[in-house]
Amino acid sequence: KLFSAHLGCGVIAKFNDMKLRHAKVLIRERNLNFTEIAEVLGFSSVHYFSRLFKKKTGMTPSEYSDSVV
């Protein structure tokens, strides 16, 4: 409750936001494919990673990758 009251979101939501920020860095570096990024960040599957990424950013990991060329 304290975490949510202070930051305005739950622990899991904040943790996922942090993982997605790191995913953006990894996508820009272009050293790993999306499956590897999902694994490194601890997502249960590349499909879940892609769905969450799109939900939070408004674009798929591929679209994000293409936009930061």
C-alpha atoms as a PDB file:
ATOM      1  CA  LYS A   1       0.000   0.000   0.000  1.00  0.00           C
ATOM      2  CA  LEU A   2       2.836   2.384   0.803  1.00  0.00           C
ATOM      3  CA  PHE A   3       4.516   1.716  -2.530  1.00  0.00           C
ATOM      4  CA  SER A   4       1.276   2.316  -4.404  1.00  0.00           C
ATOM      5  CA  ALA A   5       0.431   5.433  -2.403  1.00  0.00           C
ATOM      6  CA  HIS A   6       3.873   6.911  -2.949  1.00  0.00           C
ATOM      7  CA  LEU A   7       4.392   6.065  -6.640  1.00  0.00           C
ATOM      8  CA  GLY A   8       0.806   5.787  -7.843  1.00  0.00           C
ATOM      9  CA  CYS A   9       1.187   2.252  -9.155  1.00  0.00           C
ATOM     10  CA  GLY A  10       1.769  -1.256  -7.874  1.00  0.00           C
ATOM     11  CA  VAL A  11       5.097  -3.010  -7.488  1.00  0.00           C
ATOM     12  CA  ILE A  12       4.577  -5.274 -10.506  1.00  0.00           C
ATOM     13  CA  ALA A  13       3.564  -2.376 -12.754  1.00  0.00           C
ATOM     14  CA  LYS A  14       6.649  -0.397 -11.711  1.00  0.00           C
ATOM     15  CA  PHE A  15       8.891  -3.424 -12.196  1.00  0.00           C
ATOM     16  CA  ASN A  16       7.449  -4.019 -15.684  1.00  0.00           C
ATOM     17  CA  ASP A  17       7.991  -0.342 -16.553  1.00  0.00           C
ATOM     18  CA  MET A  18      11.628  -0.664 -15.522  1.00  0.00           C
ATOM     19  CA  LYS A  19      12.030  -3.820 -17.612  1.00  0.00           C
ATOM     20  CA  LEU A  20      10.462  -2.131 -20.646  1.00  0.00           C
ATOM     21  CA  ARG A  21      12.785   0.875 -20.309  1.00  0.00           C
ATOM     22  CA  HIS A  22      15.705  -1.549 -20.331  1.00  0.00           C
ATOM     23  CA  ALA A  23      14.164  -3.391 -23.299  1.00  0.00           C
ATOM     24  CA  LYS A  24      14.223  -0.140 -25.277  1.00  0.00           C
ATOM     25  CA  VAL A  25      17.942   0.195 -24.581  1.00  0.00           C
ATOM     26  CA  LEU A  26      18.579  -3.394 -25.662  1.00  0.00           C
ATOM     27  CA  ILE A  27      16.520  -2.930 -28.831  1.00  0.00           C
ATOM     28  CA  ARG A  28      18.499   0.213 -29.725  1.00  0.00           C
ATOM     29  CA  GLU A  29      21.797  -1.655 -29.194  1.00  0.00           C
ATOM     30  CA  ARG A  30      20.675  -4.316 -31.720  1.00  0.00           C
ATOM     31  CA  ASN A  31      22.830  -7.063 -30.173  1.00  0.00           C
ATOM     32  CA  LEU A  32      19.926  -9.345 -29.185  1.00  0.00           C
ATOM     33  CA  ASN A  33      16.777 -10.465 -30.948  1.00  0.00           C
ATOM     34  CA  PHE A  34      13.374 -10.008 -29.284  1.00  0.00           C
ATOM     35  CA  THR A  35      13.267 -13.550 -27.925  1.00  0.00           C
ATOM     36  CA  GLU A  36      16.653 -13.071 -26.277  1.00  0.00           C
ATOM     37  CA  ILE A  37      15.586  -9.695 -24.851  1.00  0.00           C
ATOM     38  CA  ALA A  38      12.451 -11.270 -23.379  1.00  0.00           C
ATOM     39  CA  GLU A  39      14.550 -14.021 -21.800  1.00  0.00           C
ATOM     40  CA  VAL A  40      17.203 -11.646 -20.417  1.00  0.00           C
ATOM     41  CA  LEU A  41      14.528  -9.469 -18.809  1.00  0.00           C
ATOM     42  CA  GLY A  42      12.675 -12.433 -17.321  1.00  0.00           C
ATOM     43  CA  PHE A  43       9.462 -12.353 -19.323  1.00  0.00           C
ATOM     44  CA  SER A  44       7.634 -15.665 -19.473  1.00  0.00           C
ATOM     45  CA  SER A  45       7.514 -15.568 -23.287  1.00  0.00           C
ATOM     46  CA  VAL A  46       8.352 -13.344 -26.214  1.00  0.00           C
ATOM     47  CA  HIS A  47       4.604 -13.094 -26.888  1.00  0.00           C
ATOM     48  CA  TYR A  48       3.896 -11.681 -23.433  1.00  0.00           C
ATOM     49  CA  PHE A  49       6.844  -9.295 -23.806  1.00  0.00           C
ATOM     50  CA  SER A  50       5.528  -8.087 -27.181  1.00  0.00           C
ATOM     51  CA  ARG A  51       1.964  -7.628 -25.885  1.00  0.00           C
ATOM     52  CA  LEU A  52       3.123  -5.680 -22.834  1.00  0.00           C
ATOM     53  CA  PHE A  53       5.531  -3.592 -24.908  1.00  0.00           C
ATOM     54  CA  LYS A  54       2.739  -2.647 -27.330  1.00  0.00           C
ATOM     55  CA  LYS A  55       0.312  -1.911 -24.490  1.00  0.00           C
ATOM     56  CA  LYS A  56       2.776   0.407 -22.741  1.00  0.00           C
ATOM     57  CA  THR A  57       4.452   2.087 -25.729  1.00  0.00           C
ATOM     58  CA  GLY A  58       1.775   1.971 -28.418  1.00  0.00           C
ATOM     59  CA  MET A  59       4.052   0.099 -30.816  1.00  0.00           C
ATOM     60  CA  THR A  60       5.429  -3.389 -31.189  1.00  0.00           C
ATOM     61  CA  PRO A  61       9.113  -4.067 -30.495  1.00  0.00           C
ATOM     62  CA  SER A  62       9.650  -4.296 -34.271  1.00  0.00           C
ATOM     63  CA  GLU A  63       7.976  -0.947 -34.867  1.00  0.00           C
ATOM     64  CA  TYR A  64      10.063   0.583 -32.090  1.00  0.00           C
ATOM     65  CA  SER A  65      13.230  -0.890 -33.590  1.00  0.00           C
ATOM     66  CA  ASP A  66      12.370   0.550 -37.003  1.00  0.00           C
ATOM     67  CA  SER A  67      11.632   3.982 -35.493  1.00  0.00           C
ATOM     68  CA  VAL A  68      15.052   4.330 -33.839  1.00  0.00           C
ATOM     69  CA  VAL A  69      17.215   3.532 -36.868  1.00  0.00           C
END
